[in-house]
């Protein structure tokens, strides 16, 4: 079992920045690929970013590419999402998730590959 707790959400003006954190506990953190997803009101939850076990591979949704950066610190059991140049359409509840992966460069981009989820943190971007 892996427990995930997100933090760092809040209200920010368009063009601003936020950094989300997700602290993991339980099983060995670096056995898991990590991802961030988001769900806006009235919409389906969608993929945002993913990072492999070994931090060598990262993946982004087209809508956030060049603005968001995913990173992880395996010594601190934490994954981050740095969000810059925020837009009102980035408003959503952001979730981190963990997916078991069998080799260091492995990453996952689809929701059904993730086994563990945090409770979410709200990000609101005002125009």
Foldseek 3Di string as FASTA:
>chain_A
DKAKAKDWADEEAAQAKIKMKIAIDDDQLLQWKKFKWWDDPPGDIAGAKIAFSQRPDIDGDPVQPPFWDWDDDSVRRMIMIIGGRDDQVVWTWMKMFIAGDDDRRDMDGDDVRTDDIYPTDTHGYHD
